[in-house]
Protein backbone atom coordinates (compact mmCIF):
# COMPACT_ATOMS: atom_id res chain seq x y z
CA MET A 1 4.36 25.40 21.85
CA SER A 2 2.92 21.90 22.15
CA ARG A 3 3.03 21.44 18.37
CA PHE A 4 6.54 22.88 18.16
CA ALA A 5 7.80 20.68 21.00
CA GLY A 6 6.18 17.59 19.45
CA ALA A 7 7.74 18.33 16.05
CA ALA A 8 11.15 19.02 17.60
CA ALA A 9 10.98 15.76 19.55
CA GLY A 10 9.87 13.89 16.44
CA LEU A 11 12.73 15.31 14.39
CA ALA A 12 15.29 14.48 17.07
CA LEU A 13 13.94 10.94 17.36
CA ALA A 14 14.00 10.56 13.56
CA ILE A 15 17.63 11.68 13.30
CA ALA A 16 18.65 9.29 16.08
CA ALA A 17 16.75 6.38 14.53
CA GLY A 18 18.08 7.11 11.04
CA SER A 19 21.63 7.32 12.35
CA LEU A 20 21.25 4.02 14.16
CA CYS A 21 19.83 2.29 11.08
CA ALA A 22 22.62 3.75 8.92
CA TRP A 23 25.19 2.40 11.40
CA LEU A 24 23.45 -1.01 11.28
CA ALA A 25 23.45 -0.83 7.45
CA THR A 26 19.71 -1.51 7.14
CA PRO A 27 17.94 -0.92 3.81
CA ILE A 28 16.99 2.76 3.21
CA PRO A 29 17.96 3.65 6.80
CA TRP A 30 17.00 7.31 6.66
CA MET A 31 13.40 6.41 5.84
CA LEU A 32 12.89 3.17 7.75
CA GLY A 33 14.43 4.43 10.99
CA PRO A 34 12.24 7.54 11.36
CA LEU A 35 9.14 5.71 10.12
CA PHE A 36 9.29 2.94 12.70
CA ALA A 37 10.55 5.14 15.51
CA LEU A 38 7.72 7.66 15.19
CA ALA A 39 5.09 4.99 14.57
CA VAL A 40 6.06 3.03 17.68
CA VAL A 41 6.24 5.95 20.07
CA ARG A 42 2.96 7.38 18.78
CA VAL A 43 1.14 4.06 19.11
CA VAL A 44 2.29 3.76 22.75
CA GLY A 45 0.89 7.22 23.42
CA ILE A 46 3.86 9.64 23.22
CA ASP A 47 2.92 12.82 21.36
CA VAL A 48 5.72 13.27 18.83
CA ARG A 49 5.00 14.73 15.41
CA ALA A 50 6.52 15.20 12.01
CA PRO A 51 7.91 18.67 11.23
CA ALA A 52 5.46 20.89 9.40
CA GLY A 53 5.55 20.23 5.67
CA ALA A 54 7.71 17.12 6.07
CA ARG A 55 6.06 15.07 3.33
CA PRO A 56 5.88 17.76 0.59
CA VAL A 57 9.45 18.91 1.25
CA GLY A 58 10.69 15.31 1.21
CA GLN A 59 8.83 14.64 -2.03
CA TRP A 60 10.26 17.80 -3.61
CA ILE A 61 13.83 16.73 -2.81
CA ILE A 62 13.33 13.14 -3.96
CA GLY A 63 11.49 14.16 -7.12
CA THR A 64 14.30 16.52 -8.09
CA ALA A 65 16.96 13.86 -7.51
CA LEU A 66 15.02 11.25 -9.51
CA GLY A 67 14.51 13.57 -12.45
CA LEU A 68 18.28 13.72 -13.01
CA TYR A 69 18.25 10.09 -14.18
CA PHE A 70 16.14 10.81 -17.28
CA THR A 71 18.81 11.50 -19.89
CA PRO A 72 17.86 11.19 -23.59
CA ALA A 73 19.30 7.67 -23.74
CA THR A 74 17.39 6.69 -20.60
CA LEU A 75 14.11 8.08 -21.93
CA ALA A 76 14.55 6.11 -25.14
CA SER A 77 15.25 2.94 -23.16
CA VAL A 78 12.20 3.38 -20.93
CA ALA A 79 9.95 4.33 -23.87
CA SER A 80 10.86 1.09 -25.62
CA VAL A 81 9.15 -0.90 -22.82
CA TRP A 82 6.17 1.44 -22.29
CA TYR A 83 3.83 -1.55 -22.14
CA LEU A 84 5.35 -2.76 -18.86
CA PRO A 85 4.18 0.20 -16.71
CA VAL A 86 0.79 0.07 -18.44
CA ALA A 87 0.45 -3.64 -17.60
CA GLY A 88 1.53 -2.84 -14.04
CA ALA A 89 -1.15 -0.17 -13.68
CA VAL A 90 -3.88 -2.51 -14.95
CA PHE A 91 -2.73 -5.21 -12.54
CA ALA A 92 -2.70 -2.71 -9.64
CA ILE A 93 -6.35 -1.89 -10.27
CA ALA A 94 -7.27 -5.58 -10.50
CA ILE A 95 -5.41 -6.58 -7.33
CA GLY A 96 -6.88 -3.58 -5.51
CA TYR A 97 -10.42 -4.67 -6.27
CA GLY A 98 -9.69 -8.32 -5.52
CA THR A 99 -8.04 -7.69 -2.16
CA GLY A 100 -10.66 -5.04 -1.42
CA ALA A 101 -13.43 -7.63 -1.68
CA LEU A 102 -11.41 -9.99 0.52
CA LEU A 103 -10.76 -7.23 3.08
CA ALA A 104 -14.48 -6.46 3.24
CA ARG A 105 -15.25 -10.10 3.93
CA LEU A 106 -12.48 -10.66 6.50
CA ALA A 107 -13.05 -7.39 8.38
CA GLY A 108 -16.84 -7.32 8.14
CA ILE A 109 -16.92 -3.93 6.47
CA ASP A 110 -18.75 -2.69 3.39
CA LEU A 111 -17.25 -3.35 -0.03
CA THR A 112 -16.91 0.35 -0.81
CA THR A 113 -14.58 0.87 2.14
CA GLY A 114 -12.77 -2.36 1.36
CA VAL A 115 -11.97 -1.35 -2.21
CA PHE A 116 -10.78 2.18 -1.49
CA ALA A 117 -8.75 0.88 1.44
CA SER A 118 -7.01 -1.62 -0.85
CA VAL A 119 -6.39 0.08 -4.20
CA PRO A 120 -2.66 0.99 -3.97
CA GLY A 121 -2.92 4.73 -4.45
CA GLY A 122 -2.06 7.59 -2.12
CA ALA A 123 -3.80 7.58 1.25
CA ALA A 124 -5.20 11.10 0.90
CA ASP A 125 -6.30 10.56 -2.69
CA MET A 126 -8.03 7.24 -1.99
CA ALA A 127 -9.68 8.65 1.14
CA ALA A 128 -11.05 11.59 -0.84
CA LEU A 129 -12.31 9.35 -3.67
CA GLY A 130 -13.77 6.88 -1.19
CA GLU A 131 -15.62 9.61 0.68
CA ARG A 132 -17.42 10.60 -2.52
CA HIS A 133 -18.73 7.05 -2.84
CA GLY A 134 -19.64 6.59 0.83
CA ALA A 135 -16.58 4.77 2.17
CA ARG A 136 -15.46 5.17 5.78
CA VAL A 137 -12.61 7.64 5.51
CA ASP A 138 -11.01 6.71 8.83
CA ARG A 139 -10.75 3.05 7.83
CA VAL A 140 -9.42 3.92 4.35
CA ALA A 141 -6.71 6.20 5.76
CA ALA A 142 -5.73 3.68 8.45
CA ALA A 143 -5.48 0.85 5.91
CA HIS A 144 -3.20 2.84 3.62
CA SER A 145 -0.97 3.89 6.50
CA LEU A 146 -0.54 0.26 7.52
CA ARG A 147 -0.02 -0.79 3.87
CA MET A 148 2.79 1.72 3.48
CA LEU A 149 4.45 0.61 6.71
CA LEU A 150 4.33 -3.06 5.71
CA VAL A 151 5.52 -2.50 2.14
CA VAL A 152 8.39 -0.22 3.20
CA ALA A 153 9.39 -2.71 5.89
CA ILE A 154 9.20 -5.84 3.72
CA VAL A 155 10.16 -4.91 0.15
CA PRO A 156 13.55 -3.18 0.68
CA ALA A 157 14.58 -5.87 3.17
CA ALA A 158 13.62 -8.63 0.73
CA PHE A 159 15.66 -7.06 -2.07
CA THR A 160 18.64 -6.56 0.21
CA LEU A 161 18.54 -10.14 1.49
CA ALA A 162 18.28 -11.37 -2.10
CA GLY A 163 21.44 -9.46 -2.97
CA ALA A 164 19.69 -7.27 -5.56
CA HIS A 165 22.02 -4.28 -5.41
CA GLY A 166 24.32 -2.33 -7.68
CA THR A 167 23.04 -3.62 -11.03
CA ASP A 168 21.65 -0.31 -12.32
CA ALA A 169 22.91 0.75 -15.74
CA PHE A 170 21.28 4.18 -15.33
CA GLN A 171 23.08 6.99 -13.54
CA PRO A 172 22.23 10.64 -12.85
CA ALA A 173 23.09 13.09 -15.64
CA ARG A 174 25.69 14.85 -13.50
CA ALA A 175 27.75 13.54 -10.60
CA SER A 176 29.33 16.82 -9.45
CA PHE A 177 27.79 19.55 -7.31
CA ASP A 178 27.59 23.16 -8.51
CA ALA A 179 26.17 25.71 -6.07
CA ALA A 180 24.65 28.06 -8.65
CA GLY A 181 23.30 25.21 -10.77
CA PHE A 182 21.89 23.48 -7.70
CA ALA A 183 20.07 26.62 -6.58
CA THR A 184 18.60 27.07 -10.06
CA LEU A 185 17.54 23.42 -10.22
CA MET A 186 15.85 23.44 -6.81
CA LEU A 187 14.02 26.72 -7.48
CA ALA A 188 12.80 25.43 -10.84
CA THR A 189 11.50 22.15 -9.41
CA LEU A 190 9.92 23.97 -6.45
CA ALA A 191 8.05 26.17 -8.92
CA GLY A 192 6.84 23.03 -10.71
CA ALA A 193 5.72 21.50 -7.42
CA LEU A 194 3.82 24.63 -6.38
CA VAL A 195 2.11 24.88 -9.75
CA GLY A 196 1.14 21.23 -9.45
CA ARG A 197 -0.33 21.78 -5.99
CA ARG A 198 -2.26 24.84 -7.11
CA SER A 199 -3.62 22.84 -10.06
CA GLY A 200 -4.79 20.04 -7.78
CA VAL A 201 -2.28 17.45 -9.02
CA PRO A 202 -2.02 14.50 -6.59
CA ASN A 203 1.42 13.97 -5.05
CA ALA A 204 2.12 17.42 -6.49
CA PHE A 205 5.53 17.91 -4.92
CA ILE A 206 7.04 14.78 -6.41
CA LEU A 207 5.16 14.79 -9.72
CA GLY A 208 5.64 18.54 -10.15
CA SER A 209 9.36 18.23 -9.43
CA LEU A 210 9.66 15.38 -11.91
CA ALA A 211 7.73 17.37 -14.51
CA VAL A 212 10.46 20.03 -14.40
CA ALA A 213 13.60 17.97 -13.70
CA ILE A 214 12.96 15.38 -16.41
CA PRO A 215 12.66 17.87 -19.33
CA LEU A 216 15.70 19.79 -18.07
CA THR A 217 17.77 16.62 -17.95
CA ALA A 218 16.44 15.35 -21.27
CA ALA A 219 17.37 18.68 -22.85
CA GLY A 220 20.97 18.26 -21.69
CA LEU A 221 20.88 20.98 -19.01
CA ARG A 222 23.05 19.32 -16.38
CA LEU A 223 22.85 21.99 -13.70
CA SER A 224 24.09 20.09 -10.66
CA ALA A 225 23.94 16.84 -8.75
CA VAL A 226 21.76 16.64 -5.63
CA PRO A 227 24.00 15.97 -2.60
CA THR A 228 23.57 12.61 -0.91
CA GLU A 229 23.06 14.37 2.41
CA LEU A 230 20.06 16.20 0.99
CA THR A 231 18.45 13.05 -0.40
CA ASN A 232 18.97 11.43 3.02
CA ALA A 233 17.19 14.41 4.56
CA GLY A 234 14.35 13.94 2.08
CA GLN A 235 14.06 10.29 3.08
CA LEU A 236 14.05 11.25 6.75
CA LEU A 237 11.21 13.73 6.22
CA LEU A 238 9.17 11.15 4.32
CA GLY A 239 9.75 8.62 7.10
CA CYS A 240 8.64 11.16 9.70
CA ALA A 241 5.46 11.93 7.76
CA LEU A 242 4.57 8.24 7.41
CA GLY A 243 5.29 7.41 11.04
CA ALA A 244 3.29 10.38 12.32
CA ARG A 245 0.10 9.00 10.74
CA PHE A 246 -0.26 6.39 13.47
CA GLU A 247 -2.43 7.13 16.49
CA PRO A 248 -2.46 5.62 20.02
CA ASP A 249 -5.70 3.72 19.36
CA PHE A 250 -4.54 2.33 16.02
CA LEU A 251 -4.07 -1.28 17.17
CA HIS A 252 -6.77 -1.25 19.84
CA GLY A 253 -9.69 0.36 18.06
CA ALA A 254 -10.36 -2.31 15.44
CA PRO A 255 -8.12 -5.38 15.82
CA ARG A 256 -10.15 -7.42 13.34
CA PHE A 257 -9.79 -4.72 10.72
CA VAL A 258 -6.04 -4.33 11.33
CA GLY A 259 -5.52 -8.09 11.06
CA ALA A 260 -7.50 -8.23 7.83
CA VAL A 261 -5.46 -5.37 6.34
CA VAL A 262 -2.21 -7.18 7.19
CA VAL A 263 -3.44 -10.35 5.45
CA THR A 264 -4.60 -8.55 2.30
CA VAL A 265 -1.46 -6.40 2.05
CA LEU A 266 0.77 -9.48 2.32
CA LEU A 267 -1.35 -11.15 -0.37
CA SER A 268 -1.03 -8.05 -2.56
CA ILE A 269 2.77 -8.02 -2.17
CA ALA A 270 2.98 -11.72 -3.04
CA ALA A 271 0.65 -11.47 -6.04
CA SER A 272 2.48 -8.40 -7.34
CA ALA A 273 5.80 -10.24 -7.05
CA VAL A 274 4.51 -13.25 -8.98
CA PHE A 275 3.02 -11.06 -11.71
CA GLY A 276 6.19 -8.95 -11.83
CA VAL A 277 8.44 -11.98 -12.34
CA ALA A 278 6.18 -13.30 -15.10
CA LEU A 279 6.01 -9.88 -16.78
CA ALA A 280 9.79 -9.43 -16.69
CA LYS A 281 10.43 -12.91 -18.07
CA LEU A 282 7.93 -12.45 -20.91
CA ALA A 283 9.42 -9.07 -21.83
CA GLY A 284 13.02 -10.23 -21.48
CA GLN A 285 13.75 -7.52 -18.90
CA PRO A 286 15.74 -7.65 -15.62
CA VAL A 287 13.47 -8.98 -12.90
CA ALA A 288 14.49 -6.71 -9.99
CA PRO A 289 13.39 -3.31 -11.44
CA VAL A 290 10.08 -4.73 -12.66
CA LEU A 291 9.43 -6.31 -9.26
CA LEU A 292 10.11 -3.01 -7.52
CA GLY A 293 7.92 -1.20 -10.03
CA MET A 294 5.08 -3.62 -9.27
CA ALA A 295 5.39 -3.33 -5.47
CA PRO A 296 2.21 -1.83 -3.93
CA GLY A 297 4.01 1.02 -2.18
CA GLY A 298 4.05 4.77 -2.69
CA ILE A 299 5.91 6.46 -5.53
CA ALA A 300 8.36 8.28 -3.27
CA GLU A 301 9.09 5.28 -1.06
CA MET A 302 9.61 2.77 -3.86
CA THR A 303 11.70 5.08 -6.02
CA VAL A 304 13.87 5.88 -3.00
CA THR A 305 14.39 2.13 -2.64
CA ALA A 306 15.32 1.87 -6.32
CA LYS A 307 17.81 4.73 -5.94
CA ALA A 308 19.37 3.29 -2.79
CA LEU A 309 19.76 -0.19 -4.29
CA GLN A 310 20.55 1.06 -7.83
CA LEU A 311 17.72 -0.89 -9.41
CA GLY A 312 16.55 0.78 -12.60
CA VAL A 313 15.47 4.12 -11.12
CA PRO A 314 13.88 5.52 -14.33
CA LEU A 315 11.89 2.34 -15.01
CA VAL A 316 10.70 2.04 -11.41
CA THR A 317 9.75 5.73 -11.39
CA THR A 318 7.81 5.29 -14.65
CA PHE A 319 5.96 2.27 -13.22
CA HIS A 320 4.78 4.18 -10.18
CA VAL A 321 3.96 7.43 -11.95
CA THR A 322 1.87 5.49 -14.49
CA ARG A 323 0.07 3.66 -11.72
CA VAL A 324 -0.70 6.85 -9.79
CA VAL A 325 -2.15 8.52 -12.88
CA ALA A 326 -4.16 5.43 -13.89
CA LEU A 327 -5.58 4.90 -10.39
CA LEU A 328 -6.65 8.51 -10.01
CA LEU A 329 -8.25 8.68 -13.45
CA LEU A 330 -9.91 5.27 -13.46
CA THR A 331 -10.72 4.25 -9.87
CA GLY A 332 -13.73 6.54 -9.46
CA PRO A 333 -15.45 5.91 -12.84
CA LEU A 334 -14.66 2.19 -12.75
CA PHE A 335 -15.98 1.82 -9.22
CA ALA A 336 -19.24 3.51 -10.16
CA ARG A 337 -19.76 0.80 -12.79
CA VAL A 338 -18.60 -2.14 -10.71
CA ARG A 339 -20.63 -1.11 -7.69
CA ARG A 340 -23.88 -1.71 -9.55
CA HIS A 341 -23.09 -5.42 -9.42
CA TRP A 342 -22.14 -5.27 -5.75
CA THR A 343 -25.20 -3.51 -4.36
CA VAL A 344 -26.71 -6.54 -2.67
CA LEU A 345 -23.37 -7.78 -1.27
CA ASP A 346 -22.43 -4.28 -0.16
CA ALA A 347 -25.65 -3.83 1.80
CA GLY A 348 -25.25 -7.21 3.48
CA ALA A 349 -21.68 -6.47 4.54
CA ALA A 350 -22.68 -3.06 5.90
CA ARG A 351 -25.26 -4.69 8.20
CA ARG A 352 -22.52 -6.92 9.65
CA GLN A 353 -20.13 -3.99 10.23
CA PRO A 354 -19.32 -3.47 13.96
């Protein structure tokens, strides 16, 4: 009953906060409102929770909606600039290691924890990889939760204030809703998500949904549009899941660590923006989609921002999918090599750790 009451209270709070943000016309209101509302009340000690399965269900909905953008013409357009997402993935690894070393120094933690707390992958995935190499899982998870909160708070607001809205040339394959087609589409993408989870694919519910929705759209099977109300619900569930990660002792347990994470995340956002502008200018591409693709946020959160602001959804999605795959495949093996050169520094930092 306690869990049910906490989830019911969390959902009610999320709906109220999302409605308020929508009325205030804030960026991505149905994600930002629930995220901040749940995070704040949990940090002050009120036991509200996200509904069970909030994140996977939200990812399934968002992944299905995003997949409808990948028409044959869109795929050809994105494929012609394949080098941009690859460059973005390489930069994400580099900035993760650089800010990880800085985080270790500022927070007085070991370099292993610093790196896995800073590489911009999924919190669960980076925590699991970090644990294999001896990182402190609690610090890694806390750092990624704070990173997501800061990126989701800063990046959409910055784009909105800059007036970057409504310039997207890409649109979903079908604008009308069809009940039978919608049911078929959602069942198909759910099957893809479940297969992905069973196979151990990270972010399985969004990547699995995309893996089904993209081929269907590319093949010309325009089953149905995804209603706006449903995508808003998906955003709300993602916001709930992010906000529910925060605990009452989050700000009090390790203030030095929290402050260091804030500094390194802000540095990562700034460096990614500078690199993104340079990359877009060199490639002769619109700056806004490349900037959003470079942002060190999660795939679901950043693609939702792209969809809400109509900023090159397929390109932004490709950026973040490429980065997720690259980070998961390369972070572990690369770290094993790099760590050999950090052994002395790592041991010294560990002795200073509080």
